[in-house]
Amino acid sequence: RMARLLTVMPELMVILRAMATAVKTVFTALAFLVVIDYVFAVAFTQMARGTGLESSYFPSVLGSMNTLLIAGAFPDAERIMQDAMSQHFLYWAVMLVYLV
């Protein structure tokens, strides 16, 4: 049935190919952003060691990545994201997908 649909509507194949190309590009950009977030999280974790910022914002590299992502990208939703993360990681992930 799909083959028949694609022969009747070749524009659908063009759209599918364009979407596949777009997914590759978006994934590459997302991977690049995660690497940048990781590098800055390591830097902030090292700089905050022994200060008051360590316990509240930069306790670990993963915690620093969370702080940088949420405070930087979603400053208005920071409180609800922290509350969701305190309950379960899955709540945080679903909320992140919704906000993006």
PDB file of N, CA and C in Angstrom:
ATOM      1  N   ARG A   1       0.818  -1.192   0.000  1.00  0.00           N
ATOM      2  CA  ARG A   1       0.000   0.000   0.000  1.00  0.00           C
ATOM      3  C   ARG A   1       0.867   1.263   0.000  1.00  0.00           C
ATOM      4  N   MET A   2       1.938   1.218   0.772  1.00  0.00           N
ATOM      5  CA  MET A   2       2.818   2.392   0.824  1.00  0.00           C
ATOM      6  C   MET A   2       3.473   2.644  -0.535  1.00  0.00           C
ATOM      7  N   ALA A   3       3.883   1.574  -1.221  1.00  0.00           N
ATOM      8  CA  ALA A   3       4.514   1.735  -2.522  1.00  0.00           C
ATOM      9  C   ALA A   3       3.538   2.367  -3.515  1.00  0.00           C
ATOM     10  N   ARG A   4       2.286   1.940  -3.456  1.00  0.00           N
ATOM     11  CA  ARG A   4       1.284   2.503  -4.341  1.00  0.00           C
ATOM     12  C   ARG A   4       1.051   3.984  -4.009  1.00  0.00           C
ATOM     13  N   LEU A   5       1.027   4.291  -2.728  1.00  0.00           N
ATOM     14  CA  LEU A   5       0.838   5.680  -2.310  1.00  0.00           C
ATOM     15  C   LEU A   5       2.002   6.554  -2.783  1.00  0.00           C
ATOM     16  N   LEU A   6       3.221   6.023  -2.706  1.00  0.00           N
ATOM     17  CA  LEU A   6       4.379   6.799  -3.134  1.00  0.00           C
ATOM     18  C   LEU A   6       4.427   6.980  -4.651  1.00  0.00           C
ATOM     19  N   THR A   7       3.898   6.029  -5.397  1.00  0.00           N
ATOM     20  CA  THR A   7       3.869   6.205  -6.849  1.00  0.00           C
ATOM     21  C   THR A   7       2.802   7.211  -7.265  1.00  0.00           C
ATOM     22  N   VAL A   8       1.719   7.263  -6.506  1.00  0.00           N
ATOM     23  CA  VAL A   8       0.654   8.207  -6.815  1.00  0.00           C
ATOM     24  C   VAL A   8       1.046   9.617  -6.388  1.00  0.00           C
ATOM     25  N   MET A   9       1.748   9.721  -5.263  1.00  0.00           N
ATOM     26  CA  MET A   9       2.138  11.027  -4.723  1.00  0.00           C
ATOM     27  C   MET A   9       3.662  11.081  -4.532  1.00  0.00           C
ATOM     28  N   PRO A  10       4.429  11.361  -5.587  1.00  0.00           N
ATOM     29  CA  PRO A  10       5.891  11.391  -5.450  1.00  0.00           C
ATOM     30  C   PRO A  10       6.370  12.535  -4.545  1.00  0.00           C
ATOM     31  N   GLU A  11       5.527  13.526  -4.342  1.00  0.00           N
ATOM     32  CA  GLU A  11       5.901  14.628  -3.457  1.00  0.00           C
ATOM     33  C   GLU A  11       6.104  14.136  -2.028  1.00  0.00           C
ATOM     34  N   LEU A  12       5.393  13.071  -1.682  1.00  0.00           N
ATOM     35  CA  LEU A  12       5.524  12.498  -0.344  1.00  0.00           C
ATOM     36  C   LEU A  12       6.935  11.958  -0.123  1.00  0.00           C
ATOM     37  N   MET A  13       7.512  11.374  -1.152  1.00  0.00           N
ATOM     38  CA  MET A  13       8.886  10.867  -1.044  1.00  0.00           C
ATOM     39  C   MET A  13       9.873  12.014  -0.885  1.00  0.00           C
ATOM     40  N   VAL A  14       9.643  13.105  -1.560  1.00  0.00           N
ATOM     41  CA  VAL A  14      10.505  14.279  -1.423  1.00  0.00           C
ATOM     42  C   VAL A  14      10.449  14.802   0.008  1.00  0.00           C
ATOM     43  N   ILE A  15       9.253  14.845   0.568  1.00  0.00           N
ATOM     44  CA  ILE A  15       9.093  15.317   1.947  1.00  0.00           C
ATOM     45  C   ILE A  15       9.792  14.375   2.919  1.00  0.00           C
ATOM     46  N   LEU A  16       9.659  13.068   2.724  1.00  0.00           N
ATOM     47  CA  LEU A  16      10.308  12.101   3.610  1.00  0.00           C
ATOM     48  C   LEU A  16      11.830  12.215   3.550  1.00  0.00           C
ATOM     49  N   ARG A  17      12.382  12.385   2.357  1.00  0.00           N
ATOM     50  CA  ARG A  17      13.842  12.548   2.229  1.00  0.00           C
ATOM     51  C   ARG A  17      14.311  13.831   2.908  1.00  0.00           C
ATOM     52  N   ALA A  18      13.549  14.907   2.757  1.00  0.00           N
ATOM     53  CA  ALA A  18      13.906  16.175   3.396  1.00  0.00           C
ATOM     54  C   ALA A  18      13.853  16.048   4.916  1.00  0.00           C
ATOM     55  N   MET A  19      12.863  15.337   5.422  1.00  0.00           N
ATOM     56  CA  MET A  19      12.763  15.139   6.869  1.00  0.00           C
ATOM     57  C   MET A  19      13.940  14.311   7.395  1.00  0.00           C
ATOM     58  N   ALA A  20      14.365  13.305   6.647  1.00  0.00           N
ATOM     59  CA  ALA A  20      15.506  12.490   7.058  1.00  0.00           C
ATOM     60  C   ALA A  20      16.777  13.334   7.104  1.00  0.00           C
ATOM     61  N   THR A  21      16.948  14.200   6.132  1.00  0.00           N
ATOM     62  CA  THR A  21      18.109  15.094   6.122  1.00  0.00           C
ATOM     63  C   THR A  21      18.048  16.066   7.286  1.00  0.00           C
ATOM     64  N   ALA A  22      16.875  16.575   7.578  1.00  0.00           N
ATOM     65  CA  ALA A  22      16.716  17.518   8.682  1.00  0.00           C
ATOM     66  C   ALA A  22      16.994  16.848  10.021  1.00  0.00           C
ATOM     67  N   VAL A  23      16.582  15.607  10.186  1.00  0.00           N
ATOM     68  CA  VAL A  23      16.830  14.890  11.438  1.00  0.00           C
ATOM     69  C   VAL A  23      18.329  14.731  11.665  1.00  0.00           C
ATOM     70  N   LYS A  24      19.081  14.428  10.644  1.00  0.00           N
ATOM     71  CA  LYS A  24      20.538  14.301  10.772  1.00  0.00           C
ATOM     72  C   LYS A  24      21.154  15.627  11.202  1.00  0.00           C
ATOM     73  N   THR A  25      20.714  16.703  10.607  1.00  0.00           N
ATOM     74  CA  THR A  25      21.257  18.025  10.925  1.00  0.00           C
ATOM     75  C   THR A  25      20.914  18.430  12.355  1.00  0.00           C
ATOM     76  N   VAL A  26      19.681  18.196  12.756  1.00  0.00           N
ATOM     77  CA  VAL A  26      19.256  18.548  14.116  1.00  0.00           C
ATOM     78  C   VAL A  26      20.016  17.708  15.139  1.00  0.00           C
ATOM     79  N   PHE A  27      20.203  16.434  14.870  1.00  0.00           N
ATOM     80  CA  PHE A  27      20.950  15.575  15.790  1.00  0.00           C
ATOM     81  C   PHE A  27      22.394  16.045  15.929  1.00  0.00           C
ATOM     82  N   THR A  28      23.021  16.439  14.840  1.00  0.00           N
ATOM     83  CA  THR A  28      24.393  16.944  14.890  1.00  0.00           C
ATOM     84  C   THR A  28      24.472  18.221  15.714  1.00  0.00           C
ATOM     85  N   ALA A  29      23.538  19.128  15.515  1.00  0.00           N
ATOM     86  CA  ALA A  29      23.520  20.372  16.295  1.00  0.00           C
ATOM     87  C   ALA A  29      23.283  20.083  17.770  1.00  0.00           C
ATOM     88  N   LEU A  30      22.390  19.155  18.086  1.00  0.00           N
ATOM     89  CA  LEU A  30      22.114  18.789  19.470  1.00  0.00           C
ATOM     90  C   LEU A  30      23.342  18.166  20.133  1.00  0.00           C
ATOM     91  N   ALA A  31      24.049  17.307  19.407  1.00  0.00           N
ATOM     92  CA  ALA A  31      25.267  16.710  19.950  1.00  0.00           C
ATOM     93  C   ALA A  31      26.320  17.778  20.223  1.00  0.00           C
ATOM     94  N   PHE A  32      26.440  18.737  19.336  1.00  0.00           N
ATOM     95  CA  PHE A  32      27.392  19.836  19.527  1.00  0.00           C
ATOM     96  C   PHE A  32      27.031  20.650  20.767  1.00  0.00           C
ATOM     97  N   LEU A  33      25.748  20.924  20.967  1.00  0.00           N
ATOM     98  CA  LEU A  33      25.307  21.677  22.142  1.00  0.00           C
ATOM     99  C   LEU A  33      25.556  20.904  23.433  1.00  0.00           C
ATOM    100  N   VAL A  34      25.382  19.591  23.410  1.00  0.00           N
ATOM    101  CA  VAL A  34      25.657  18.781  24.597  1.00  0.00           C
ATOM    102  C   VAL A  34      27.148  18.821  24.930  1.00  0.00           C
ATOM    103  N   VAL A  35      27.996  18.778  23.927  1.00  0.00           N
ATOM    104  CA  VAL A  35      29.440  18.863  24.170  1.00  0.00           C
ATOM    105  C   VAL A  35      29.801  20.214  24.777  1.00  0.00           C
ATOM    106  N   ILE A  36      29.237  21.284  24.261  1.00  0.00           N
ATOM    107  CA  ILE A  36      29.503  22.619  24.812  1.00  0.00           C
ATOM    108  C   ILE A  36      29.008  22.703  26.257  1.00  0.00           C
ATOM    109  N   ASP A  37      27.815  22.174  26.507  1.00  0.00           N
ATOM    110  CA  ASP A  37      27.278  22.168  27.864  1.00  0.00           C
ATOM    111  C   ASP A  37      28.183  21.374  28.802  1.00  0.00           C
ATOM    112  N   TYR A  38      28.698  20.246  28.345  1.00  0.00           N
ATOM    113  CA  TYR A  38      29.584  19.410  29.157  1.00  0.00           C
ATOM    114  C   TYR A  38      30.879  20.148  29.497  1.00  0.00           C
ATOM    115  N   VAL A  39      31.473  20.798  28.516  1.00  0.00           N
ATOM    116  CA  VAL A  39      32.737  21.520  28.749  1.00  0.00           C
ATOM    117  C   VAL A  39      32.537  22.623  29.785  1.00  0.00           C
ATOM    118  N   PHE A  40      31.478  23.388  29.646  1.00  0.00           N
ATOM    119  CA  PHE A  40      31.226  24.452  30.618  1.00  0.00           C
ATOM    120  C   PHE A  40      30.827  23.885  31.981  1.00  0.00           C
ATOM    121  N   ALA A  41      30.134  22.750  32.005  1.00  0.00           N
ATOM    122  CA  ALA A  41      29.776  22.124  33.276  1.00  0.00           C
ATOM    123  C   ALA A  41      31.019  21.671  34.028  1.00  0.00           C
ATOM    124  N   VAL A  42      31.979  21.112  33.326  1.00  0.00           N
ATOM    125  CA  VAL A  42      33.239  20.720  33.965  1.00  0.00           C
ATOM    126  C   VAL A  42      33.949  21.949  34.515  1.00  0.00           C
ATOM    127  N   ALA A  43      33.982  23.018  33.739  1.00  0.00           N
ATOM    128  CA  ALA A  43      34.649  24.240  34.186  1.00  0.00           C
ATOM    129  C   ALA A  43      33.966  24.828  35.421  1.00  0.00           C
ATOM    130  N   PHE A  44      32.641  24.921  35.402  1.00  0.00           N
ATOM    131  CA  PHE A  44      31.925  25.479  36.543  1.00  0.00           C
ATOM    132  C   PHE A  44      32.041  24.587  37.776  1.00  0.00           C
ATOM    133  N   THR A  45      32.034  23.277  37.577  1.00  0.00           N
ATOM    134  CA  THR A  45      32.178  22.363  38.707  1.00  0.00           C
ATOM    135  C   THR A  45      33.539  22.544  39.365  1.00  0.00           C
ATOM    136  N   GLN A  46      34.573  22.694  38.556  1.00  0.00           N
ATOM    137  CA  GLN A  46      35.918  22.901  39.112  1.00  0.00           C
ATOM    138  C   GLN A  46      36.045  24.263  39.788  1.00  0.00           C
ATOM    139  N   MET A  47      35.496  25.294  39.179  1.00  0.00           N
ATOM    140  CA  MET A  47      35.611  26.637  39.747  1.00  0.00           C
ATOM    141  C   MET A  47      34.782  26.786  41.023  1.00  0.00           C
ATOM    142  N   ALA A  48      33.657  26.086  41.117  1.00  0.00           N
ATOM    143  CA  ALA A  48      32.771  26.238  42.267  1.00  0.00           C
ATOM    144  C   ALA A  48      33.162  25.360  43.444  1.00  0.00           C
ATOM    145  N   ARG A  49      34.154  24.516  43.272  1.00  0.00           N
ATOM    146  CA  ARG A  49      34.559  23.609  44.351  1.00  0.00           C
ATOM    147  C   ARG A  49      34.993  24.413  45.579  1.00  0.00           C
ATOM    148  N   GLY A  50      34.371  24.098  46.713  1.00  0.00           N
ATOM    149  CA  GLY A  50      34.718  24.762  47.952  1.00  0.00           C
ATOM    150  C   GLY A  50      33.994  26.077  48.186  1.00  0.00           C
ATOM    151  N   THR A  51      33.070  26.447  47.319  1.00  0.00           N
ATOM    152  CA  THR A  51      32.311  27.689  47.484  1.00  0.00           C
ATOM    153  C   THR A  51      30.849  27.360  47.780  1.00  0.00           C
ATOM    154  N   GLY A  52      30.058  28.368  48.036  1.00  0.00           N
ATOM    155  CA  GLY A  52      28.638  28.177  48.275  1.00  0.00           C
ATOM    156  C   GLY A  52      27.879  27.751  47.036  1.00  0.00           C
ATOM    157  N   LEU A  53      28.437  28.041  45.874  1.00  0.00           N
ATOM    158  CA  LEU A  53      27.780  27.650  44.624  1.00  0.00           C
ATOM    159  C   LEU A  53      27.808  26.143  44.406  1.00  0.00           C
ATOM    160  N   GLU A  54      28.805  25.495  44.995  1.00  0.00           N
ATOM    161  CA  GLU A  54      28.952  24.059  44.769  1.00  0.00           C
ATOM    162  C   GLU A  54      27.728  23.284  45.260  1.00  0.00           C
ATOM    163  N   SER A  55      27.266  23.569  46.447  1.00  0.00           N
ATOM    164  CA  SER A  55      26.153  22.794  47.002  1.00  0.00           C
ATOM    165  C   SER A  55      24.816  23.115  46.339  1.00  0.00           C
ATOM    166  N   SER A  56      24.640  24.350  45.895  1.00  0.00           N
ATOM    167  CA  SER A  56      23.331  24.715  45.359  1.00  0.00           C
ATOM    168  C   SER A  56      23.216  24.601  43.839  1.00  0.00           C
ATOM    169  N   TYR A  57      24.272  24.878  43.097  1.00  0.00           N
ATOM    170  CA  TYR A  57      24.170  24.900  41.636  1.00  0.00           C
ATOM    171  C   TYR A  57      25.084  23.912  40.913  1.00  0.00           C
ATOM    172  N   PHE A  58      26.277  23.690  41.422  1.00  0.00           N
ATOM    173  CA  PHE A  58      27.272  22.903  40.695  1.00  0.00           C
ATOM    174  C   PHE A  58      27.836  21.765  41.540  1.00  0.00           C
ATOM    175  N   PRO A  59      26.984  20.853  42.041  1.00  0.00           N
ATOM    176  CA  PRO A  59      27.486  19.791  42.915  1.00  0.00           C
ATOM    177  C   PRO A  59      28.300  18.719  42.179  1.00  0.00           C
ATOM    178  N   SER A  60      27.972  18.479  40.932  1.00  0.00           N
ATOM    179  CA  SER A  60      28.661  17.488  40.114  1.00  0.00           C
ATOM    180  C   SER A  60      28.599  17.953  38.665  1.00  0.00           C
ATOM    181  N   VAL A  61      29.267  17.239  37.797  1.00  0.00           N
ATOM    182  CA  VAL A  61      29.230  17.627  36.385  1.00  0.00           C
ATOM    183  C   VAL A  61      27.808  17.487  35.833  1.00  0.00           C
ATOM    184  N   LEU A  62      27.137  16.405  36.180  1.00  0.00           N
ATOM    185  CA  LEU A  62      25.766  16.220  35.706  1.00  0.00           C
ATOM    186  C   LEU A  62      24.838  17.280  36.296  1.00  0.00           C
ATOM    187  N   GLY A  63      24.995  17.579  37.580  1.00  0.00           N
ATOM    188  CA  GLY A  63      24.202  18.641  38.191  1.00  0.00           C
ATOM    189  C   GLY A  63      24.488  19.994  37.573  1.00  0.00           C
ATOM    190  N   SER A  64      25.755  20.232  37.219  1.00  0.00           N
ATOM    191  CA  SER A  64      26.128  21.485  36.560  1.00  0.00           C
ATOM    192  C   SER A  64      25.514  21.579  35.175  1.00  0.00           C
ATOM    193  N   MET A  65      25.500  20.458  34.452  1.00  0.00           N
ATOM    194  CA  MET A  65      24.881  20.457  33.129  1.00  0.00           C
ATOM    195  C   MET A  65      23.391  20.776  33.252  1.00  0.00           C
ATOM    196  N   ASN A  66      22.746  20.207  34.255  1.00  0.00           N
ATOM    197  CA  ASN A  66      21.327  20.489  34.484  1.00  0.00           C
ATOM    198  C   ASN A  66      21.124  21.966  34.792  1.00  0.00           C
ATOM    199  N   THR A  67      21.955  22.529  35.681  1.00  0.00           N
ATOM    200  CA  THR A  67      21.830  23.942  36.039  1.00  0.00           C
ATOM    201  C   THR A  67      22.035  24.833  34.827  1.00  0.00           C
ATOM    202  N   LEU A  68      23.060  24.565  34.045  1.00  0.00           N
ATOM    203  CA  LEU A  68      23.335  25.401  32.881  1.00  0.00           C
ATOM    204  C   LEU A  68      22.235  25.296  31.837  1.00  0.00           C
ATOM    205  N   LEU A  69      21.714  24.093  31.624  1.00  0.00           N
ATOM    206  CA  LEU A  69      20.649  23.918  30.630  1.00  0.00           C
ATOM    207  C   LEU A  69      19.370  24.615  31.067  1.00  0.00           C
ATOM    208  N   ILE A  70      18.941  24.336  32.289  1.00  0.00           N
ATOM    209  CA  ILE A  70      17.657  24.863  32.741  1.00  0.00           C
ATOM    210  C   ILE A  70      17.727  26.363  32.971  1.00  0.00           C
ATOM    211  N   ALA A  71      18.746  26.845  33.675  1.00  0.00           N
ATOM    212  CA  ALA A  71      18.846  28.275  33.963  1.00  0.00           C
ATOM    213  C   ALA A  71      19.134  29.078  32.700  1.00  0.00           C
ATOM    214  N   GLY A  72      19.858  28.483  31.765  1.00  0.00           N
ATOM    215  CA  GLY A  72      20.200  29.200  30.543  1.00  0.00           C
ATOM    216  C   GLY A  72      19.124  29.162  29.485  1.00  0.00           C
ATOM    217  N   ALA A  73      18.506  28.005  29.292  1.00  0.00           N
ATOM    218  CA  ALA A  73      17.546  27.854  28.204  1.00  0.00           C
ATOM    219  C   ALA A  73      16.102  28.110  28.635  1.00  0.00           C
ATOM    220  N   PHE A  74      15.782  27.765  29.883  1.00  0.00           N
ATOM    221  CA  PHE A  74      14.403  27.879  30.354  1.00  0.00           C
ATOM    222  C   PHE A  74      14.349  28.598  31.703  1.00  0.00           C
ATOM    223  N   PRO A  75      14.758  29.851  31.768  1.00  0.00           N
ATOM    224  CA  PRO A  75      14.806  30.524  33.076  1.00  0.00           C
ATOM    225  C   PRO A  75      13.435  30.672  33.740  1.00  0.00           C
ATOM    226  N   ASP A  76      12.383  30.790  32.966  1.00  0.00           N
ATOM    227  CA  ASP A  76      11.048  30.936  33.545  1.00  0.00           C
ATOM    228  C   ASP A  76      10.525  29.623  34.120  1.00  0.00           C
ATOM    229  N   ALA A  77      11.019  28.500  33.625  1.00  0.00           N
ATOM    230  CA  ALA A  77      10.543  27.193  34.065  1.00  0.00           C
ATOM    231  C   ALA A  77      11.533  26.510  35.008  1.00  0.00           C
ATOM    232  N   GLU A  78      12.479  27.257  35.521  1.00  0.00           N
ATOM    233  CA  GLU A  78      13.538  26.644  36.337  1.00  0.00           C
ATOM    234  C   GLU A  78      12.979  25.966  37.585  1.00  0.00           C
ATOM    235  N   ARG A  79      12.067  26.613  38.262  1.00  0.00           N
ATOM    236  CA  ARG A  79      11.541  26.063  39.518  1.00  0.00           C
ATOM    237  C   ARG A  79      10.770  24.764  39.274  1.00  0.00           C
ATOM    238  N   ILE A  80       9.914  24.745  38.265  1.00  0.00           N
ATOM    239  CA  ILE A  80       9.135  23.529  38.005  1.00  0.00           C
ATOM    240  C   ILE A  80      10.035  22.399  37.515  1.00  0.00           C
ATOM    241  N   MET A  81      11.082  22.742  36.785  1.00  0.00           N
ATOM    242  CA  MET A  81      12.019  21.715  36.325  1.00  0.00           C
ATOM    243  C   MET A  81      12.776  21.114  37.514  1.00  0.00           C
ATOM    244  N   GLN A  82      13.171  21.941  38.473  1.00  0.00           N
ATOM    245  CA  GLN A  82      13.854  21.430  39.667  1.00  0.00           C
ATOM    246  C   GLN A  82      12.915  20.543  40.484  1.00  0.00           C
ATOM    247  N   ASP A  83      11.669  20.959  40.616  1.00  0.00           N
ATOM    248  CA  ASP A  83      10.702  20.148  41.353  1.00  0.00           C
ATOM    249  C   ASP A  83      10.448  18.817  40.650  1.00  0.00           C
ATOM    250  N   ALA A  84      10.355  18.848  39.336  1.00  0.00           N
ATOM    251  CA  ALA A  84      10.155  17.608  38.579  1.00  0.00           C
ATOM    252  C   ALA A  84      11.350  16.681  38.737  1.00  0.00           C
ATOM    253  N   MET A  85      12.564  17.233  38.705  1.00  0.00           N
ATOM    254  CA  MET A  85      13.767  16.418  38.858  1.00  0.00           C
ATOM    255  C   MET A  85      13.858  15.830  40.261  1.00  0.00           C
ATOM    256  N   SER A  86      13.379  16.566  41.263  1.00  0.00           N
ATOM    257  CA  SER A  86      13.447  16.036  42.628  1.00  0.00           C
ATOM    258  C   SER A  86      12.506  14.845  42.817  1.00  0.00           C
ATOM    259  N   GLN A  87      11.461  14.757  42.017  1.00  0.00           N
ATOM    260  CA  GLN A  87      10.533  13.624  42.105  1.00  0.00           C
ATOM    261  C   GLN A  87      11.062  12.397  41.356  1.00  0.00           C
ATOM    262  N   HIS A  88      11.432  12.608  40.096  1.00  0.00           N
ATOM    263  CA  HIS A  88      11.952  11.493  39.286  1.00  0.00           C
ATOM    264  C   HIS A  88      12.545  12.065  38.007  1.00  0.00           C
ATOM    265  N   PHE A  89      13.578  11.404  37.508  1.00  0.00           N
ATOM    266  CA  PHE A  89      14.231  11.852  36.281  1.00  0.00           C
ATOM    267  C   PHE A  89      13.255  11.852  35.098  1.00  0.00           C
ATOM    268  N   LEU A  90      12.347  10.891  35.066  1.00  0.00           N
ATOM    269  CA  LEU A  90      11.404  10.791  33.948  1.00  0.00           C
ATOM    270  C   LEU A  90      10.507  12.018  33.862  1.00  0.00           C
ATOM    271  N   TYR A  91      10.069  12.548  35.008  1.00  0.00           N
ATOM    272  CA  TYR A  91       9.258  13.770  35.002  1.00  0.00           C
ATOM    273  C   TYR A  91      10.033  14.925  34.382  1.00  0.00           C
ATOM    274  N   TRP A  92      11.305  15.015  34.755  1.00  0.00           N
ATOM    275  CA  TRP A  92      12.167  16.070  34.219  1.00  0.00           C
ATOM    276  C   TRP A  92      12.303  15.924  32.704  1.00  0.00           C
ATOM    277  N   ALA A  93      12.534  14.695  32.240  1.00  0.00           N
ATOM    278  CA  ALA A  93      12.729  14.454  30.811  1.00  0.00           C
ATOM    279  C   ALA A  93      11.466  14.795  30.014  1.00  0.00           C
ATOM    280  N   VAL A  94      10.311  14.396  30.523  1.00  0.00           N
ATOM    281  CA  VAL A  94       9.057  14.697  29.816  1.00  0.00           C
ATOM    282  C   VAL A  94       8.812  16.193  29.787  1.00  0.00           C
ATOM    283  N   MET A  95       9.103  16.868  30.893  1.00  0.00           N
ATOM    284  CA  MET A  95       8.928  18.322  30.949  1.00  0.00           C
ATOM    285  C   MET A  95       9.891  19.006  29.960  1.00  0.00           C
ATOM    286  N   LEU A  96      11.101  18.504  29.854  1.00  0.00           N
ATOM    287  CA  LEU A  96      12.067  19.066  28.906  1.00  0.00           C
ATOM    288  C   LEU A  96      11.590  18.910  27.471  1.00  0.00           C
ATOM    289  N   VAL A  97      11.075  17.730  27.152  1.00  0.00           N
ATOM    290  CA  VAL A  97      10.550  17.500  25.797  1.00  0.00           C
ATOM    291  C   VAL A  97       9.384  18.429  25.520  1.00  0.00           C
ATOM    292  N   TYR A  98       8.526  18.632  26.516  1.00  0.00           N
ATOM    293  CA  TYR A  98       7.391  19.527  26.333  1.00  0.00           C
ATOM    294  C   TYR A  98       7.852  20.972  26.090  1.00  0.00           C
ATOM    295  N   LEU A  99       8.845  21.423  26.852  1.00  0.00           N
ATOM    296  CA  LEU A  99       9.296  22.804  26.720  1.00  0.00           C
ATOM    297  C   LEU A  99      10.052  23.054  25.421  1.00  0.00           C
ATOM    298  N   VAL A 100      10.723  22.040  24.938  1.00  0.00           N
ATOM    299  CA  VAL A 100      11.470  22.215  23.696  1.00  0.00           C
ATOM    300  C   VAL A 100      10.502  22.199  22.552  1.00  0.00           C
TER     301      VAL A 100
END
